[in-house]
Protein backbone atom coordinates (compact mmCIF):
# COMPACT_ATOMS: atom_id res chain seq x y z
CA MET A 1 99.85 151.44 71.68
CA LYS A 2 103.37 151.12 71.92
CA MET A 3 102.66 149.56 75.71
CA PHE A 4 100.14 146.94 74.13
CA PHE A 5 103.53 145.79 71.61
CA HIS A 6 105.61 145.86 74.70
CA GLY A 7 102.59 143.52 76.50
CA LEU A 8 102.19 141.04 73.40
CA ALA A 9 105.88 140.78 73.64
CA ALA A 10 106.03 140.14 77.13
CA LEU A 11 102.91 137.36 76.39
CA GLY A 12 105.02 136.12 73.79
CA LEU A 13 108.39 135.44 76.03
CA GLY A 14 105.78 133.91 78.55
CA PHE A 15 104.69 131.14 76.52
CA ALA A 16 107.92 130.54 74.93
CA LEU A 17 109.49 129.61 78.20
CA ALA A 18 106.64 127.99 78.73
CA SER A 19 106.85 125.94 76.30
CA SER A 20 110.73 125.58 76.89
CA ALA A 21 109.81 124.71 80.45
CA ALA A 22 107.02 121.87 79.30
CA ALA A 23 109.54 120.06 77.32
CA ALA A 24 112.09 119.79 79.67
CA GLU A 25 109.50 118.00 81.92
CA TYR A 26 110.50 114.69 82.91
CA PRO A 27 109.62 111.56 82.52
CA LEU A 28 109.99 112.19 78.41
CA GLU A 29 107.75 108.91 78.20
CA GLU A 30 104.87 108.12 80.84
CA PRO A 31 105.22 104.16 82.39
CA GLU A 32 102.62 101.73 81.23
CA PRO A 33 100.52 100.37 83.63
CA ILE A 34 100.96 96.15 84.10
CA ASP A 35 98.52 94.02 85.68
CA TRP A 36 100.27 93.27 88.61
CA SER A 37 99.11 90.36 91.16
CA PHE A 38 98.40 92.78 93.99
CA SER A 39 96.28 95.21 91.47
CA GLY A 40 93.45 96.38 92.69
CA PRO A 41 91.21 96.30 95.88
CA PHE A 42 91.08 92.23 96.20
CA GLY A 43 94.85 91.88 94.93
CA THR A 44 97.53 89.97 96.43
CA TYR A 45 101.12 89.19 96.26
CA ASP A 46 102.48 86.63 94.46
CA LYS A 47 104.79 84.51 96.90
CA GLY A 48 106.57 82.79 93.91
CA GLN A 49 107.21 86.42 92.51
CA LEU A 50 108.24 88.12 95.39
CA GLN A 51 110.89 85.23 96.25
CA ARG A 52 112.37 85.46 92.75
CA GLY A 53 112.42 89.18 93.40
CA PHE A 54 114.11 88.62 96.71
CA LYS A 55 117.14 86.60 94.68
CA VAL A 56 117.50 89.68 92.02
CA TYR A 57 117.89 91.92 95.14
CA ARG A 58 120.29 89.63 96.62
CA GLU A 59 122.30 89.01 93.25
CA VAL A 60 122.14 92.32 91.75
CA CYS A 61 120.53 95.48 93.69
CA SER A 62 121.81 95.30 97.14
CA ALA A 63 125.22 95.72 95.52
CA CYS A 64 124.72 99.50 95.58
CA HIS A 65 120.46 99.61 97.09
CA SER A 66 120.33 98.94 101.29
CA LEU A 67 117.04 97.32 102.15
CA ASN A 68 117.59 99.11 106.31
CA LEU A 69 114.05 99.22 107.61
CA VAL A 70 112.96 95.46 106.42
CA ALA A 71 114.10 92.57 108.93
CA PHE A 72 114.77 89.45 107.93
CA ARG A 73 112.11 87.86 109.83
CA ASN A 74 109.71 89.63 107.60
CA LEU A 75 111.28 86.98 104.79
CA GLU A 76 108.60 84.52 106.64
CA ASP A 77 106.13 86.34 104.74
CA LEU A 78 107.55 86.13 101.16
CA GLY A 79 106.68 82.30 102.18
CA TYR A 80 110.11 80.74 104.17
CA THR A 81 110.48 78.96 106.58
CA GLU A 82 111.83 79.73 110.18
CA GLU A 83 115.07 77.47 109.21
CA GLN A 84 115.33 79.09 105.61
CA VAL A 85 114.85 82.90 107.39
CA ARG A 86 117.86 81.58 110.02
CA ALA A 87 120.28 80.11 107.24
CA ILE A 88 119.48 83.31 104.95
CA ALA A 89 120.47 85.78 108.04
CA ALA A 90 123.74 83.80 109.18
CA GLU A 91 125.16 84.73 105.02
CA TYR A 92 125.17 87.98 106.26
CA GLU A 93 127.87 89.76 108.61
CA VAL A 94 126.44 93.00 111.11
CA GLU A 95 128.67 94.88 113.86
CA ASP A 96 127.29 94.38 117.59
CA GLY A 97 128.43 95.98 120.59
CA PRO A 98 130.07 97.10 122.62
CA ASN A 99 131.68 94.47 123.97
CA GLU A 100 133.04 94.27 127.68
CA ALA A 101 136.11 95.54 126.53
CA GLY A 102 134.25 98.65 125.18
CA ASP A 103 134.56 97.58 121.42
CA MET A 104 132.65 97.18 118.24
CA PHE A 105 132.28 93.57 116.54
CA THR A 106 131.08 91.60 113.88
CA ARG A 107 128.78 88.84 114.12
CA PRO A 108 126.75 86.51 111.97
CA ALA A 109 123.05 88.34 111.84
CA LYS A 110 120.20 86.67 113.62
CA PRO A 111 116.30 86.94 112.22
CA SER A 112 115.97 89.51 114.45
CA ASP A 113 118.40 91.80 112.84
CA HIS A 114 117.67 94.28 109.70
CA PHE A 115 119.23 94.10 106.05
CA PRO A 116 122.89 95.64 106.50
CA PRO A 117 123.95 98.65 104.14
CA PRO A 118 126.28 97.69 101.44
CA PHE A 119 128.07 101.33 101.94
CA ALA A 120 129.42 101.87 105.71
CA ASN A 121 128.30 105.96 104.81
CA PRO A 122 126.42 108.20 102.03
CA GLU A 123 129.74 109.64 101.21
CA GLN A 124 131.18 106.08 100.66
CA ALA A 125 127.93 105.34 98.50
CA ALA A 126 128.20 108.15 96.51
CA ALA A 127 131.83 107.97 95.57
CA SER A 128 131.80 104.44 94.29
CA ASN A 129 128.55 105.48 92.40
CA ASN A 130 129.40 108.31 90.25
CA GLY A 131 128.95 110.57 93.17
CA ALA A 132 125.42 110.15 93.66
CA VAL A 133 123.80 107.84 96.75
CA PRO A 134 122.13 104.67 95.55
CA PRO A 135 118.87 105.50 97.12
CA ASP A 136 117.40 102.67 99.67
CA PHE A 137 114.96 100.08 98.59
CA SER A 138 112.66 99.89 101.80
CA LEU A 139 109.84 102.50 101.08
CA LEU A 140 111.17 103.37 97.01
CA ALA A 141 107.96 101.77 95.45
CA LYS A 142 105.98 104.09 97.41
CA ALA A 143 108.32 107.28 97.32
CA ARG A 144 109.41 107.29 93.09
CA ALA A 145 106.10 107.53 90.73
CA VAL A 146 105.09 109.23 88.00
CA GLU A 147 102.45 111.80 88.34
CA ARG A 148 99.23 110.48 86.76
CA GLY A 149 97.28 113.55 85.53
CA PHE A 150 93.58 114.84 84.76
CA PRO A 151 91.20 112.32 84.28
CA THR A 152 92.83 109.53 85.34
CA PHE A 153 93.70 110.16 88.50
CA LEU A 154 90.07 110.81 88.71
CA PHE A 155 88.94 106.89 87.71
CA ASP A 156 92.35 105.85 90.10
CA ILE A 157 90.12 107.02 93.09
CA PHE A 158 87.79 103.86 91.75
CA THR A 159 90.32 101.62 90.97
CA GLN A 160 92.55 101.57 94.19
CA TYR A 161 95.76 102.24 91.41
CA ALA A 162 98.59 102.44 93.60
CA GLU A 163 101.11 101.03 91.54
CA GLY A 164 102.93 104.20 90.26
CA GLY A 165 105.66 102.72 91.57
CA VAL A 166 106.56 99.87 90.46
CA ASP A 167 105.14 100.88 86.89
CA TYR A 168 108.20 103.37 87.11
CA THR A 169 110.59 100.82 88.59
CA HIS A 170 109.85 98.10 85.75
CA ALA A 171 109.77 100.86 83.31
CA LEU A 172 113.41 102.39 84.64
CA LEU A 173 114.89 98.99 84.69
CA THR A 174 113.69 98.06 80.91
CA GLY A 175 114.09 101.62 79.44
CA TYR A 176 118.02 101.67 79.09
CA GLU A 177 118.67 102.66 75.45
CA GLU A 178 120.82 105.08 73.18
CA PRO A 179 120.22 108.47 73.17
CA PRO A 180 118.42 109.57 70.29
CA GLU A 181 120.49 111.71 67.43
CA GLY A 182 121.29 115.21 68.40
CA VAL A 183 120.63 114.70 72.29
CA GLU A 184 123.73 114.58 74.47
CA VAL A 185 123.74 113.34 78.14
CA PRO A 186 126.81 114.57 80.59
CA PRO A 187 129.67 112.30 80.67
CA GLY A 188 129.21 109.33 83.43
CA THR A 189 125.59 108.74 82.76
CA TYR A 190 122.93 106.48 80.77
CA TYR A 191 119.68 107.45 79.01
CA ASN A 192 116.55 106.90 80.19
CA PRO A 193 113.34 108.18 78.79
CA TYR A 194 111.41 106.92 81.59
CA PHE A 195 113.69 108.46 84.31
CA ILE A 196 111.51 110.94 86.72
CA ASN A 197 114.09 113.36 87.30
CA GLY A 198 116.15 114.17 83.89
CA ILE A 199 117.40 113.13 80.56
CA SER A 200 119.96 110.37 81.98
CA LEU A 201 120.82 108.82 85.40
CA ALA A 202 124.25 107.97 87.00
CA MET A 203 123.37 104.75 87.15
CA ALA A 204 124.68 101.94 84.71
CA PRO A 205 121.74 99.31 82.88
CA PRO A 206 122.25 97.06 86.27
CA ILE A 207 120.81 94.16 84.91
CA ALA A 208 120.22 92.10 81.86
CA ASP A 209 118.87 88.86 80.18
CA GLY A 210 121.04 85.43 82.44
CA MET A 211 122.36 87.31 84.94
CA VAL A 212 119.95 85.31 88.07
CA THR A 213 119.14 81.55 87.76
CA TYR A 214 115.74 80.80 89.02
CA ASP A 215 114.76 77.61 90.49
CA ASP A 216 111.13 77.87 89.20
CA GLY A 217 111.70 77.84 85.58
CA ALA A 218 110.52 81.13 85.36
CA PRO A 219 111.97 83.27 82.04
CA GLU A 220 115.77 84.50 83.25
CA THR A 221 114.87 87.54 81.07
CA LEU A 222 115.22 91.59 81.24
CA ASP A 223 111.73 92.32 81.69
CA GLN A 224 110.64 89.47 84.28
CA TYR A 225 113.40 90.31 86.63
CA SER A 226 111.91 93.87 86.41
CA ARG A 227 108.90 92.32 87.41
CA ASP A 228 109.72 90.50 90.09
CA VAL A 229 112.06 92.99 91.89
CA SER A 230 109.56 95.63 91.75
CA ALA A 231 106.70 93.64 93.14
CA PHE A 232 109.48 92.69 95.79
CA MET A 233 110.33 96.63 96.02
CA MET A 234 106.06 96.82 96.76
CA TRP A 235 106.05 94.08 99.59
CA ALA A 236 109.33 95.79 101.31
CA ALA A 237 107.65 99.01 100.94
CA GLU A 238 103.94 98.06 101.71
CA PRO A 239 104.20 94.37 103.60
CA HIS A 240 100.52 94.45 105.41
CA MET A 241 98.96 95.42 102.67
CA GLU A 242 96.97 91.79 102.16
CA ALA A 243 95.76 92.37 105.70
CA ARG A 244 94.61 96.42 104.70
CA LYS A 245 92.68 95.39 101.74
CA ALA A 246 90.86 92.64 103.89
CA THR A 247 90.21 94.80 106.77
CA GLY A 248 88.70 97.89 104.50
CA PHE A 249 86.68 95.00 102.19
CA THR A 250 84.95 93.76 106.02
CA VAL A 251 84.06 97.50 107.04
CA MET A 252 82.61 98.65 103.45
CA VAL A 253 80.88 95.78 104.15
CA PHE A 254 79.92 96.71 107.54
CA LEU A 255 78.70 99.78 106.51
CA LEU A 256 76.86 98.94 103.89
CA LEU A 257 74.71 96.52 106.03
CA PHE A 258 74.57 98.75 108.82
CA GLY A 259 72.93 101.39 106.42
CA GLY A 260 70.90 99.17 105.10
CA LEU A 261 69.71 98.66 109.15
CA VAL A 262 69.52 102.05 109.81
CA PHE A 263 66.86 103.00 106.52
CA LEU A 264 64.95 100.16 107.65
CA THR A 265 64.70 101.29 111.30
CA LYS A 266 63.53 104.83 109.98
CA ARG A 267 60.75 103.79 107.75
CA LYS A 268 59.73 101.68 110.70
CA VAL A 269 60.25 104.37 112.93
CA TRP A 270 58.09 107.42 110.50
CA ALA A 271 55.72 104.67 109.00
CA GLU A 272 52.63 106.31 110.67
CA VAL A 273 53.97 110.07 109.96
CA HIS A 274 51.98 111.15 106.67
């Protein structure tokens, strides 16, 4: 009997630990799905939105976040002309060399160059950002997302939901708020219930209403900025998404036609067999 009560006590302790762990799961709030232009099997990128997102990245995000895997020439996918891409690249300085004297030198970037990082090394990046290294933007939209539990992920198979990363980014950028009463955050961090790794993060709210001027008349609000830069990050992570979807649709049509022909052939071959 004594061992029985000890077992109950241990079981109760286990439930308490499990409840405590569940209470500490992050994010505290899950991002709401947004109706993106590229959602679903037939979705495509909105080039106007991508250009706005690129502008937000250049004027705000590029001060801390690199874009190492994207070359300037890739910007033609956003609707920029070859001359515009050359002009954008020329605004950046990249390191090249060695020259004939064996020294490294800097020169204006060319379309074949990749975006130069804002910091020389991770240590410099961490020293400038409260000890946290800002992640590279190239693949972030595919690498960071909130896992969708059962049964939601089953429906995602049929809807081809793949926008978890951009939903998360938009929620994070728009989710900064004052900590609730009784909640303390570490010094130098900022409360955000959508943050996937904790109760707060080292990045201060990076953008606010009116910080970036749009040329196409789009709203200059935090929500719009967040949507646009998130869409740009999705393109950076998956620039060939439209071609992939078109290929997948072609393959599915082929398989349906091929399956129908095989079925009709089978009926023809075995028509005389009872």
